[in-house]
Amino acid sequence: MRKHDKEKRRTWRKLHLAIDAATHEVIAAEVSLESVAYSKVLPTLLNPLRRKVKQVSADGAYDT
């Protein structure tokens, strides 16, 4: 890294998953940058699904 003048710091990514609670199957996944708010990712995670969503369970970060 020193040879090519690259910065050692790495950028974090967040992986958001939509999981079917009945079958435990991953039905959607979205990767975002660390700077993107959780509440901004939720619509892009759920909109492409071709099924009716009856309930969403998430932690407090998605409440905003």
PDB file of N, CA and C in Angstrom:
ATOM      1  N   MET A   1       0.818  -1.198   0.000  1.00  0.00           N
ATOM      2  CA  MET A   1       0.000   0.000   0.000  1.00  0.00           C
ATOM      3  C   MET A   1       0.861   1.262   0.000  1.00  0.00           C
ATOM      4  N   ARG A   2       1.925   1.251   0.731  1.00  0.00           N
ATOM      5  CA  ARG A   2       2.800   2.429   0.755  1.00  0.00           C
ATOM      6  C   ARG A   2       3.438   2.649  -0.607  1.00  0.00           C
ATOM      7  N   LYS A   3       3.750   1.582  -1.288  1.00  0.00           N
ATOM      8  CA  LYS A   3       4.413   1.679  -2.586  1.00  0.00           C
ATOM      9  C   LYS A   3       3.546   2.422  -3.596  1.00  0.00           C
ATOM     10  N   HIS A   4       2.216   2.206  -3.543  1.00  0.00           N
ATOM     11  CA  HIS A   4       1.312   2.797  -4.519  1.00  0.00           C
ATOM     12  C   HIS A   4       0.533   3.990  -3.973  1.00  0.00           C
ATOM     13  N   ASP A   5       0.935   4.465  -2.807  1.00  0.00           N
ATOM     14  CA  ASP A   5       0.283   5.624  -2.180  1.00  0.00           C
ATOM     15  C   ASP A   5      -1.214   5.437  -1.998  1.00  0.00           C
ATOM     16  N   LYS A   6      -1.626   4.262  -1.641  1.00  0.00           N
ATOM     17  CA  LYS A   6      -3.045   4.012  -1.371  1.00  0.00           C
ATOM     18  C   LYS A   6      -3.305   4.201   0.114  1.00  0.00           C
ATOM     19  N   GLU A   7      -4.483   4.693   0.417  1.00  0.00           N
ATOM     20  CA  GLU A   7      -4.867   4.892   1.803  1.00  0.00           C
ATOM     21  C   GLU A   7      -5.241   3.548   2.425  1.00  0.00           C
ATOM     22  N   LYS A   8      -4.871   3.345   3.662  1.00  0.00           N
ATOM     23  CA  LYS A   8      -5.149   2.082   4.334  1.00  0.00           C
ATOM     24  C   LYS A   8      -6.614   1.939   4.729  1.00  0.00           C
ATOM     25  N   ARG A   9      -7.290   3.025   4.928  1.00  0.00           N
ATOM     26  CA  ARG A   9      -8.675   2.954   5.382  1.00  0.00           C
ATOM     27  C   ARG A   9      -9.564   2.314   4.331  1.00  0.00           C
ATOM     28  N   ARG A  10     -10.453   1.531   4.814  1.00  0.00           N
ATOM     29  CA  ARG A  10     -11.406   0.867   3.925  1.00  0.00           C
ATOM     30  C   ARG A  10     -12.783   1.471   4.149  1.00  0.00           C
ATOM     31  N   THR A  11     -13.599   1.441   3.137  1.00  0.00           N
ATOM     32  CA  THR A  11     -14.959   1.949   3.297  1.00  0.00           C
ATOM     33  C   THR A  11     -15.875   0.794   3.659  1.00  0.00           C
ATOM     34  N   TRP A  12     -16.713   1.017   4.644  1.00  0.00           N
ATOM     35  CA  TRP A  12     -17.649   0.003   5.098  1.00  0.00           C
ATOM     36  C   TRP A  12     -18.868  -0.026   4.201  1.00  0.00           C
ATOM     37  N   ARG A  13     -19.456  -1.178   4.079  1.00  0.00           N
ATOM     38  CA  ARG A  13     -20.711  -1.377   3.363  1.00  0.00           C
ATOM     39  C   ARG A  13     -21.699  -2.009   4.332  1.00  0.00           C
ATOM     40  N   LYS A  14     -22.967  -1.748   4.098  1.00  0.00           N
ATOM     41  CA  LYS A  14     -24.011  -2.358   4.924  1.00  0.00           C
ATOM     42  C   LYS A  14     -24.834  -3.285   4.038  1.00  0.00           C
ATOM     43  N   LEU A  15     -25.107  -4.467   4.544  1.00  0.00           N
ATOM     44  CA  LEU A  15     -25.924  -5.441   3.836  1.00  0.00           C
ATOM     45  C   LEU A  15     -27.281  -5.493   4.508  1.00  0.00           C
ATOM     46  N   HIS A  16     -28.324  -5.207   3.742  1.00  0.00           N
ATOM     47  CA  HIS A  16     -29.700  -5.235   4.232  1.00  0.00           C
ATOM     48  C   HIS A  16     -30.378  -6.460   3.629  1.00  0.00           C
ATOM     49  N   LEU A  17     -31.035  -7.247   4.460  1.00  0.00           N
ATOM     50  CA  LEU A  17     -31.687  -8.462   3.989  1.00  0.00           C
ATOM     51  C   LEU A  17     -33.170  -8.438   4.308  1.00  0.00           C
ATOM     52  N   ALA A  18     -33.971  -8.942   3.378  1.00  0.00           N
ATOM     53  CA  ALA A  18     -35.395  -9.191   3.614  1.00  0.00           C
ATOM     54  C   ALA A  18     -35.555 -10.702   3.651  1.00  0.00           C
ATOM     55  N   ILE A  19     -36.088 -11.205   4.749  1.00  0.00           N
ATOM     56  CA  ILE A  19     -36.192 -12.648   4.965  1.00  0.00           C
ATOM     57  C   ILE A  19     -37.642 -13.023   5.215  1.00  0.00           C
ATOM     58  N   ASP A  20     -38.095 -14.079   4.564  1.00  0.00           N
ATOM     59  CA  ASP A  20     -39.430 -14.620   4.802  1.00  0.00           C
ATOM     60  C   ASP A  20     -39.398 -15.323   6.156  1.00  0.00           C
ATOM     61  N   ALA A  21     -40.204 -14.855   7.103  1.00  0.00           N
ATOM     62  CA  ALA A  21     -40.181 -15.398   8.460  1.00  0.00           C
ATOM     63  C   ALA A  21     -40.658 -16.842   8.520  1.00  0.00           C
ATOM     64  N   ALA A  22     -41.532 -17.237   7.619  1.00  0.00           N
ATOM     65  CA  ALA A  22     -42.066 -18.600   7.636  1.00  0.00           C
ATOM     66  C   ALA A  22     -41.059 -19.618   7.110  1.00  0.00           C
ATOM     67  N   THR A  23     -40.370 -19.272   6.036  1.00  0.00           N
ATOM     68  CA  THR A  23     -39.461 -20.230   5.395  1.00  0.00           C
ATOM     69  C   THR A  23     -37.983 -19.944   5.662  1.00  0.00           C
ATOM     70  N   HIS A  24     -37.684 -18.790   6.256  1.00  0.00           N
ATOM     71  CA  HIS A  24     -36.308 -18.349   6.525  1.00  0.00           C
ATOM     72  C   HIS A  24     -35.506 -18.175   5.241  1.00  0.00           C
ATOM     73  N   GLU A  25     -36.186 -17.920   4.160  1.00  0.00           N
ATOM     74  CA  GLU A  25     -35.554 -17.708   2.861  1.00  0.00           C
ATOM     75  C   GLU A  25     -35.245 -16.228   2.671  1.00  0.00           C
ATOM     76  N   VAL A  26     -34.063 -15.926   2.160  1.00  0.00           N
ATOM     77  CA  VAL A  26     -33.717 -14.548   1.822  1.00  0.00           C
ATOM     78  C   VAL A  26     -34.446 -14.199   0.527  1.00  0.00           C
ATOM     79  N   ILE A  27     -35.315 -13.181   0.586  1.00  0.00           N
ATOM     80  CA  ILE A  27     -36.106 -12.825  -0.592  1.00  0.00           C
ATOM     81  C   ILE A  27     -35.623 -11.546  -1.259  1.00  0.00           C
ATOM     82  N   ALA A  28     -34.775 -10.776  -0.564  1.00  0.00           N
ATOM     83  CA  ALA A  28     -34.200  -9.575  -1.165  1.00  0.00           C
ATOM     84  C   ALA A  28     -32.943  -9.190  -0.399  1.00  0.00           C
ATOM     85  N   ALA A  29     -32.017  -8.566  -1.100  1.00  0.00           N
ATOM     86  CA  ALA A  29     -30.779  -8.085  -0.485  1.00  0.00           C
ATOM     87  C   ALA A  29     -30.375  -6.778  -1.143  1.00  0.00           C
ATOM     88  N   GLU A  30     -29.831  -5.895  -0.354  1.00  0.00           N
ATOM     89  CA  GLU A  30     -29.395  -4.587  -0.848  1.00  0.00           C
ATOM     90  C   GLU A  30     -28.109  -4.218  -0.115  1.00  0.00           C
ATOM     91  N   VAL A  31     -27.133  -3.722  -0.841  1.00  0.00           N
ATOM     92  CA  VAL A  31     -25.875  -3.264  -0.253  1.00  0.00           C
ATOM     93  C   VAL A  31     -25.830  -1.750  -0.374  1.00  0.00           C
ATOM     94  N   SER A  32     -25.468  -1.084   0.722  1.00  0.00           N
ATOM     95  CA  SER A  32     -25.390   0.372   0.690  1.00  0.00           C
ATOM     96  C   SER A  32     -24.091   0.833   1.329  1.00  0.00           C
ATOM     97  N   LEU A  33     -23.745   2.076   1.086  1.00  0.00           N
ATOM     98  CA  LEU A  33     -22.580   2.681   1.719  1.00  0.00           C
ATOM     99  C   LEU A  33     -22.893   2.975   3.181  1.00  0.00           C
ATOM    100  N   GLU A  34     -21.858   3.162   3.950  1.00  0.00           N
ATOM    101  CA  GLU A  34     -22.018   3.455   5.365  1.00  0.00           C
ATOM    102  C   GLU A  34     -22.801   4.753   5.600  1.00  0.00           C
ATOM    103  N   SER A  35     -22.693   5.691   4.695  1.00  0.00           N
ATOM    104  CA  SER A  35     -23.314   7.005   4.868  1.00  0.00           C
ATOM    105  C   SER A  35     -24.813   7.027   4.551  1.00  0.00           C
ATOM    106  N   VAL A  36     -25.344   5.973   3.952  1.00  0.00           N
ATOM    107  CA  VAL A  36     -26.761   5.929   3.580  1.00  0.00           C
ATOM    108  C   VAL A  36     -27.575   5.486   4.795  1.00  0.00           C
ATOM    109  N   ALA A  37     -28.649   6.229   5.089  1.00  0.00           N
ATOM    110  CA  ALA A  37     -29.497   5.908   6.238  1.00  0.00           C
ATOM    111  C   ALA A  37     -30.315   4.642   5.986  1.00  0.00           C
ATOM    112  N   TYR A  38     -30.560   3.903   7.041  1.00  0.00           N
ATOM    113  CA  TYR A  38     -31.336   2.667   6.941  1.00  0.00           C
ATOM    114  C   TYR A  38     -32.736   2.927   6.380  1.00  0.00           C
ATOM    115  N   SER A  39     -33.355   4.023   6.806  1.00  0.00           N
ATOM    116  CA  SER A  39     -34.709   4.321   6.362  1.00  0.00           C
ATOM    117  C   SER A  39     -34.784   4.594   4.861  1.00  0.00           C
ATOM    118  N   LYS A  40     -33.704   5.005   4.253  1.00  0.00           N
ATOM    119  CA  LYS A  40     -33.678   5.250   2.803  1.00  0.00           C
ATOM    120  C   LYS A  40     -33.573   3.948   2.012  1.00  0.00           C
ATOM    121  N   VAL A  41     -33.032   2.909   2.626  1.00  0.00           N
ATOM    122  CA  VAL A  41     -32.827   1.633   1.937  1.00  0.00           C
ATOM    123  C   VAL A  41     -34.086   0.768   1.966  1.00  0.00           C
ATOM    124  N   LEU A  42     -34.885   0.894   3.005  1.00  0.00           N
ATOM    125  CA  LEU A  42     -36.058   0.024   3.165  1.00  0.00           C
ATOM    126  C   LEU A  42     -36.998   0.026   1.968  1.00  0.00           C
ATOM    127  N   PRO A  43     -37.399   1.167   1.419  1.00  0.00           N
ATOM    128  CA  PRO A  43     -38.283   1.137   0.239  1.00  0.00           C
ATOM    129  C   PRO A  43     -37.639   0.459  -0.970  1.00  0.00           C
ATOM    130  N   THR A  44     -36.351   0.687  -1.188  1.00  0.00           N
ATOM    131  CA  THR A  44     -35.698   0.054  -2.337  1.00  0.00           C
ATOM    132  C   THR A  44     -35.511  -1.444  -2.123  1.00  0.00           C
ATOM    133  N   LEU A  45     -35.525  -1.866  -0.875  1.00  0.00           N
ATOM    134  CA  LEU A  45     -35.417  -3.283  -0.556  1.00  0.00           C
ATOM    135  C   LEU A  45     -36.750  -3.995  -0.773  1.00  0.00           C
ATOM    136  N   LEU A  46     -37.848  -3.346  -0.418  1.00  0.00           N
ATOM    137  CA  LEU A  46     -39.160  -3.996  -0.459  1.00  0.00           C
ATOM    138  C   LEU A  46     -39.934  -3.769  -1.757  1.00  0.00           C
ATOM    139  N   ASN A  47     -39.718  -2.673  -2.455  1.00  0.00           N
ATOM    140  CA  ASN A  47     -40.499  -2.374  -3.664  1.00  0.00           C
ATOM    141  C   ASN A  47     -40.395  -3.424  -4.770  1.00  0.00           C
ATOM    142  N   PRO A  48     -39.224  -3.978  -5.057  1.00  0.00           N
ATOM    143  CA  PRO A  48     -39.144  -4.950  -6.158  1.00  0.00           C
ATOM    144  C   PRO A  48     -39.785  -6.315  -5.865  1.00  0.00           C
ATOM    145  N   LEU A  49     -40.166  -6.559  -4.610  1.00  0.00           N
ATOM    146  CA  LEU A  49     -40.738  -7.863  -4.272  1.00  0.00           C
ATOM    147  C   LEU A  49     -42.082  -8.041  -4.955  1.00  0.00           C
ATOM    148  N   ARG A  50     -42.302  -9.207  -5.468  1.00  0.00           N
ATOM    149  CA  ARG A  50     -43.563  -9.496  -6.145  1.00  0.00           C
ATOM    150  C   ARG A  50     -44.482 -10.291  -5.231  1.00  0.00           C
ATOM    151  N   ARG A  51     -44.503  -9.891  -3.980  1.00  0.00           N
ATOM    152  CA  ARG A  51     -45.395 -10.519  -3.021  1.00  0.00           C
ATOM    153  C   ARG A  51     -45.907  -9.452  -2.070  1.00  0.00           C
ATOM    154  N   LYS A  52     -47.022  -9.742  -1.459  1.00  0.00           N
ATOM    155  CA  LYS A  52     -47.620  -8.787  -0.535  1.00  0.00           C
ATOM    156  C   LYS A  52     -46.908  -8.881   0.814  1.00  0.00           C
ATOM    157  N   VAL A  53     -46.485  -7.748   1.340  1.00  0.00           N
ATOM    158  CA  VAL A  53     -45.794  -7.703   2.623  1.00  0.00           C
ATOM    159  C   VAL A  53     -46.825  -7.368   3.692  1.00  0.00           C
ATOM    160  N   LYS A  54     -47.016  -8.292   4.631  1.00  0.00           N
ATOM    161  CA  LYS A  54     -48.000  -8.097   5.695  1.00  0.00           C
ATOM    162  C   LYS A  54     -47.387  -7.452   6.924  1.00  0.00           C
ATOM    163  N   GLN A  55     -46.113  -7.737   7.179  1.00  0.00           N
ATOM    164  CA  GLN A  55     -45.458  -7.239   8.375  1.00  0.00           C
ATOM    165  C   GLN A  55     -43.979  -7.030   8.102  1.00  0.00           C
ATOM    166  N   VAL A  56     -43.440  -5.983   8.692  1.00  0.00           N
ATOM    167  CA  VAL A  56     -42.003  -5.715   8.627  1.00  0.00           C
ATOM    168  C   VAL A  56     -41.501  -5.649  10.064  1.00  0.00           C
ATOM    169  N   SER A  57     -40.505  -6.451  10.367  1.00  0.00           N
ATOM    170  CA  SER A  57     -39.854  -6.420  11.682  1.00  0.00           C
ATOM    171  C   SER A  57     -38.418  -5.963  11.470  1.00  0.00           C
ATOM    172  N   ALA A  58     -38.019  -4.950  12.222  1.00  0.00           N
ATOM    173  CA  ALA A  58     -36.666  -4.407  12.056  1.00  0.00           C
ATOM    174  C   ALA A  58     -36.245  -3.761  13.371  1.00  0.00           C
ATOM    175  N   ASP A  59     -34.974  -3.407  13.462  1.00  0.00           N
ATOM    176  CA  ASP A  59     -34.522  -2.720  14.656  1.00  0.00           C
ATOM    177  C   ASP A  59     -34.837  -1.232  14.559  1.00  0.00           C
ATOM    178  N   GLY A  60     -34.490  -0.484  15.579  1.00  0.00           N
ATOM    179  CA  GLY A  60     -34.834   0.926  15.659  1.00  0.00           C
ATOM    180  C   GLY A  60     -34.240   1.798  14.577  1.00  0.00           C
ATOM    181  N   ALA A  61     -33.192   1.360  13.923  1.00  0.00           N
ATOM    182  CA  ALA A  61     -32.556   2.177  12.880  1.00  0.00           C
ATOM    183  C   ALA A  61     -33.481   2.398  11.688  1.00  0.00           C
ATOM    184  N   TYR A  62     -34.420   1.503  11.451  1.00  0.00           N
ATOM    185  CA  TYR A  62     -35.325   1.635  10.318  1.00  0.00           C
ATOM    186  C   TYR A  62     -36.549   2.487  10.649  1.00  0.00           C
ATOM    187  N   ASP A  63     -36.707   2.928  11.886  1.00  0.00           N
ATOM    188  CA  ASP A  63     -37.878   3.702  12.327  1.00  0.00           C
ATOM    189  C   ASP A  63     -37.920   5.132  11.818  1.00  0.00           C
ATOM    190  N   THR A  64     -36.815   5.708  11.470  1.00  0.00           N
ATOM    191  CA  THR A  64     -36.782   7.141  11.158  1.00  0.00           C
ATOM    192  C   THR A  64     -37.562   7.498   9.918  1.00  0.00           C
TER     193      THR A  64
END
